[in-house]
Amino acid sequence: MNAVFRVGQLVVVKEDPDVFPFCGEIARVSVLDVPCMDGLGMEVVSDHLGRFKGTYEQFEPVPEIKGRH
């Protein structure tokens, strides 16, 4: 795992044929280190699809937008 995830972080589901219906979906991390079919992963919550789980490798962080406030 080369990305570090934290609860509350926005992530996007990577393009992967194994998770086709979820590709490109943006979600917020709700629980880390949950058991998945392919090992440990995380549970995320999406406005569109609700709660779902995936391995860490299936997600990537959404870049934070830095700007003036």
N, C-alpha and C. Protein backbone atom coordinates (compact mmCIF):
# COMPACT_ATOMS: atom_id res chain seq x y z
N MET A 1 0.86 -1.18 0.00
CA MET A 1 0.00 0.00 0.00
C MET A 1 0.89 1.23 0.00
N ASN A 2 0.82 2.04 -1.05
CA ASN A 2 1.67 3.22 -1.12
C ASN A 2 0.94 4.50 -0.72
N ALA A 3 -0.36 4.47 -0.62
CA ALA A 3 -1.13 5.64 -0.19
C ALA A 3 -1.54 5.44 1.26
N VAL A 4 -1.57 6.53 2.01
CA VAL A 4 -2.02 6.48 3.40
C VAL A 4 -3.42 7.05 3.45
N PHE A 5 -4.34 6.28 4.02
CA PHE A 5 -5.74 6.71 4.10
C PHE A 5 -6.09 7.04 5.53
N ARG A 6 -7.08 7.92 5.70
CA ARG A 6 -7.56 8.27 7.04
C ARG A 6 -9.09 8.37 6.99
N VAL A 7 -9.72 8.17 8.12
CA VAL A 7 -11.17 8.28 8.22
C VAL A 7 -11.58 9.71 7.88
N GLY A 8 -12.61 9.86 7.07
CA GLY A 8 -13.11 11.16 6.66
C GLY A 8 -12.53 11.65 5.34
N GLN A 9 -11.51 10.96 4.84
CA GLN A 9 -10.85 11.37 3.60
C GLN A 9 -11.70 11.00 2.38
N LEU A 10 -11.65 11.85 1.35
CA LEU A 10 -12.31 11.52 0.09
C LEU A 10 -11.40 10.66 -0.75
N VAL A 11 -11.98 9.60 -1.32
CA VAL A 11 -11.24 8.69 -2.19
C VAL A 11 -12.06 8.44 -3.45
N VAL A 12 -11.38 7.95 -4.47
CA VAL A 12 -12.05 7.58 -5.70
C VAL A 12 -11.71 6.13 -6.01
N VAL A 13 -12.67 5.38 -6.55
CA VAL A 13 -12.43 3.98 -6.92
C VAL A 13 -11.66 3.97 -8.24
N LYS A 14 -10.54 3.24 -8.25
CA LYS A 14 -9.71 3.16 -9.45
C LYS A 14 -10.42 2.42 -10.57
N GLU A 15 -9.98 2.67 -11.79
CA GLU A 15 -10.50 1.93 -12.95
C GLU A 15 -9.99 0.49 -12.85
N ASP A 16 -10.88 -0.44 -12.65
CA ASP A 16 -10.51 -1.84 -12.47
C ASP A 16 -11.68 -2.70 -12.89
N PRO A 17 -11.47 -3.64 -13.81
CA PRO A 17 -12.60 -4.47 -14.26
C PRO A 17 -13.26 -5.28 -13.15
N ASP A 18 -12.51 -5.56 -12.05
CA ASP A 18 -13.09 -6.33 -10.95
C ASP A 18 -14.14 -5.54 -10.17
N VAL A 19 -14.09 -4.22 -10.26
CA VAL A 19 -15.04 -3.39 -9.52
C VAL A 19 -15.78 -2.47 -10.48
N PHE A 20 -16.10 -2.99 -11.66
CA PHE A 20 -16.66 -2.18 -12.74
C PHE A 20 -17.79 -1.24 -12.34
N PRO A 21 -18.82 -1.69 -11.60
CA PRO A 21 -19.92 -0.76 -11.32
C PRO A 21 -19.51 0.42 -10.44
N PHE A 22 -18.37 0.30 -9.76
CA PHE A 22 -17.95 1.33 -8.81
C PHE A 22 -16.86 2.26 -9.36
N CYS A 23 -16.31 1.99 -10.53
CA CYS A 23 -15.20 2.76 -11.08
C CYS A 23 -15.53 4.25 -11.14
N GLY A 24 -14.61 5.05 -10.65
CA GLY A 24 -14.78 6.50 -10.69
C GLY A 24 -15.66 7.06 -9.59
N GLU A 25 -16.24 6.20 -8.78
CA GLU A 25 -17.12 6.66 -7.70
C GLU A 25 -16.31 7.36 -6.61
N ILE A 26 -16.75 8.52 -6.18
CA ILE A 26 -16.10 9.25 -5.09
C ILE A 26 -16.84 8.93 -3.81
N ALA A 27 -16.08 8.62 -2.76
CA ALA A 27 -16.67 8.24 -1.49
C ALA A 27 -15.81 8.77 -0.35
N ARG A 28 -16.35 8.72 0.86
CA ARG A 28 -15.63 9.15 2.05
C ARG A 28 -15.31 7.93 2.89
N VAL A 29 -14.07 7.83 3.37
CA VAL A 29 -13.63 6.69 4.19
C VAL A 29 -14.36 6.73 5.53
N SER A 30 -14.98 5.59 5.92
CA SER A 30 -15.67 5.54 7.21
C SER A 30 -14.99 4.61 8.20
N VAL A 31 -14.42 3.49 7.73
CA VAL A 31 -13.76 2.53 8.62
C VAL A 31 -12.53 1.97 7.92
N LEU A 32 -11.42 1.89 8.64
CA LEU A 32 -10.18 1.32 8.09
C LEU A 32 -9.99 -0.11 8.61
N ASP A 33 -9.19 -0.88 7.90
CA ASP A 33 -8.79 -2.24 8.29
C ASP A 33 -9.97 -3.18 8.51
N VAL A 34 -10.90 -3.19 7.56
CA VAL A 34 -12.02 -4.14 7.63
C VAL A 34 -11.70 -5.33 6.73
N PRO A 35 -12.17 -6.53 7.10
CA PRO A 35 -11.93 -7.69 6.25
C PRO A 35 -12.72 -7.61 4.94
N CYS A 36 -12.06 -7.90 3.84
CA CYS A 36 -12.68 -7.94 2.51
C CYS A 36 -12.40 -9.31 1.89
N MET A 37 -13.00 -9.58 0.76
CA MET A 37 -12.78 -10.87 0.10
C MET A 37 -11.31 -11.08 -0.27
N ASP A 38 -10.60 -9.99 -0.61
CA ASP A 38 -9.22 -10.11 -1.05
C ASP A 38 -8.22 -9.65 0.01
N GLY A 39 -8.59 -9.64 1.28
CA GLY A 39 -7.69 -9.21 2.35
C GLY A 39 -8.27 -8.06 3.13
N LEU A 40 -7.40 -7.23 3.69
CA LEU A 40 -7.85 -6.08 4.46
C LEU A 40 -8.12 -4.90 3.55
N GLY A 41 -9.07 -4.08 3.96
CA GLY A 41 -9.40 -2.90 3.17
C GLY A 41 -10.10 -1.89 4.03
N MET A 42 -11.02 -1.16 3.42
CA MET A 42 -11.75 -0.13 4.16
C MET A 42 -13.20 -0.07 3.69
N GLU A 43 -14.02 0.47 4.56
CA GLU A 43 -15.42 0.71 4.22
C GLU A 43 -15.56 2.19 3.91
N VAL A 44 -16.26 2.49 2.83
CA VAL A 44 -16.47 3.87 2.42
C VAL A 44 -17.96 4.13 2.24
N VAL A 45 -18.33 5.42 2.23
CA VAL A 45 -19.72 5.81 2.05
C VAL A 45 -19.80 6.76 0.87
N SER A 46 -20.65 6.43 -0.08
CA SER A 46 -20.86 7.24 -1.27
C SER A 46 -22.29 7.78 -1.27
N ASP A 47 -22.47 9.01 -1.71
CA ASP A 47 -23.83 9.57 -1.81
C ASP A 47 -24.66 8.77 -2.80
N HIS A 48 -24.03 8.26 -3.83
CA HIS A 48 -24.73 7.57 -4.91
C HIS A 48 -24.99 6.09 -4.61
N LEU A 49 -23.98 5.39 -4.06
CA LEU A 49 -24.08 3.94 -3.87
C LEU A 49 -24.19 3.49 -2.41
N GLY A 50 -24.12 4.41 -1.47
CA GLY A 50 -24.21 4.04 -0.06
C GLY A 50 -22.89 3.47 0.45
N ARG A 51 -22.97 2.55 1.40
CA ARG A 51 -21.77 1.94 2.01
C ARG A 51 -21.30 0.76 1.18
N PHE A 52 -19.98 0.68 0.99
CA PHE A 52 -19.39 -0.51 0.38
C PHE A 52 -17.95 -0.65 0.82
N LYS A 53 -17.39 -1.84 0.64
CA LYS A 53 -16.03 -2.15 1.07
C LYS A 53 -15.16 -2.42 -0.14
N GLY A 54 -13.87 -2.23 0.05
CA GLY A 54 -12.91 -2.56 -0.99
C GLY A 54 -11.52 -2.61 -0.39
N THR A 55 -10.62 -3.25 -1.09
CA THR A 55 -9.24 -3.30 -0.62
C THR A 55 -8.58 -1.95 -0.84
N TYR A 56 -7.51 -1.71 -0.12
CA TYR A 56 -6.80 -0.43 -0.23
C TYR A 56 -6.33 -0.19 -1.66
N GLU A 57 -5.96 -1.24 -2.36
CA GLU A 57 -5.44 -1.11 -3.72
C GLU A 57 -6.51 -0.64 -4.72
N GLN A 58 -7.79 -0.78 -4.36
CA GLN A 58 -8.87 -0.39 -5.26
C GLN A 58 -9.22 1.09 -5.17
N PHE A 59 -8.58 1.81 -4.25
CA PHE A 59 -8.89 3.23 -4.05
C PHE A 59 -7.64 4.08 -4.23
N GLU A 60 -7.87 5.34 -4.54
CA GLU A 60 -6.79 6.32 -4.50
C GLU A 60 -7.35 7.61 -3.91
N PRO A 61 -6.51 8.36 -3.21
CA PRO A 61 -7.00 9.59 -2.59
C PRO A 61 -7.41 10.62 -3.63
N VAL A 62 -8.44 11.39 -3.32
CA VAL A 62 -8.82 12.52 -4.16
C VAL A 62 -7.88 13.66 -3.76
N PRO A 63 -7.19 14.28 -4.71
CA PRO A 63 -6.28 15.37 -4.34
C PRO A 63 -7.03 16.51 -3.67
N GLU A 64 -6.45 17.01 -2.58
CA GLU A 64 -7.06 18.14 -1.90
C GLU A 64 -6.80 19.41 -2.69
N ILE A 65 -7.82 20.24 -2.80
CA ILE A 65 -7.68 21.50 -3.52
C ILE A 65 -7.22 22.56 -2.53
N LYS A 66 -6.07 23.11 -2.80
CA LYS A 66 -5.54 24.15 -1.91
C LYS A 66 -5.77 25.49 -2.60
N GLY A 67 -6.24 26.44 -1.85
CA GLY A 67 -6.49 27.75 -2.42
C GLY A 67 -6.62 28.80 -1.34
N ARG A 68 -7.05 29.95 -1.75
CA ARG A 68 -7.23 31.05 -0.79
C ARG A 68 -8.57 30.94 -0.12
N HIS A 69 -8.58 31.31 1.13
CA HIS A 69 -9.83 31.27 1.89
C HIS A 69 -10.21 32.68 2.31
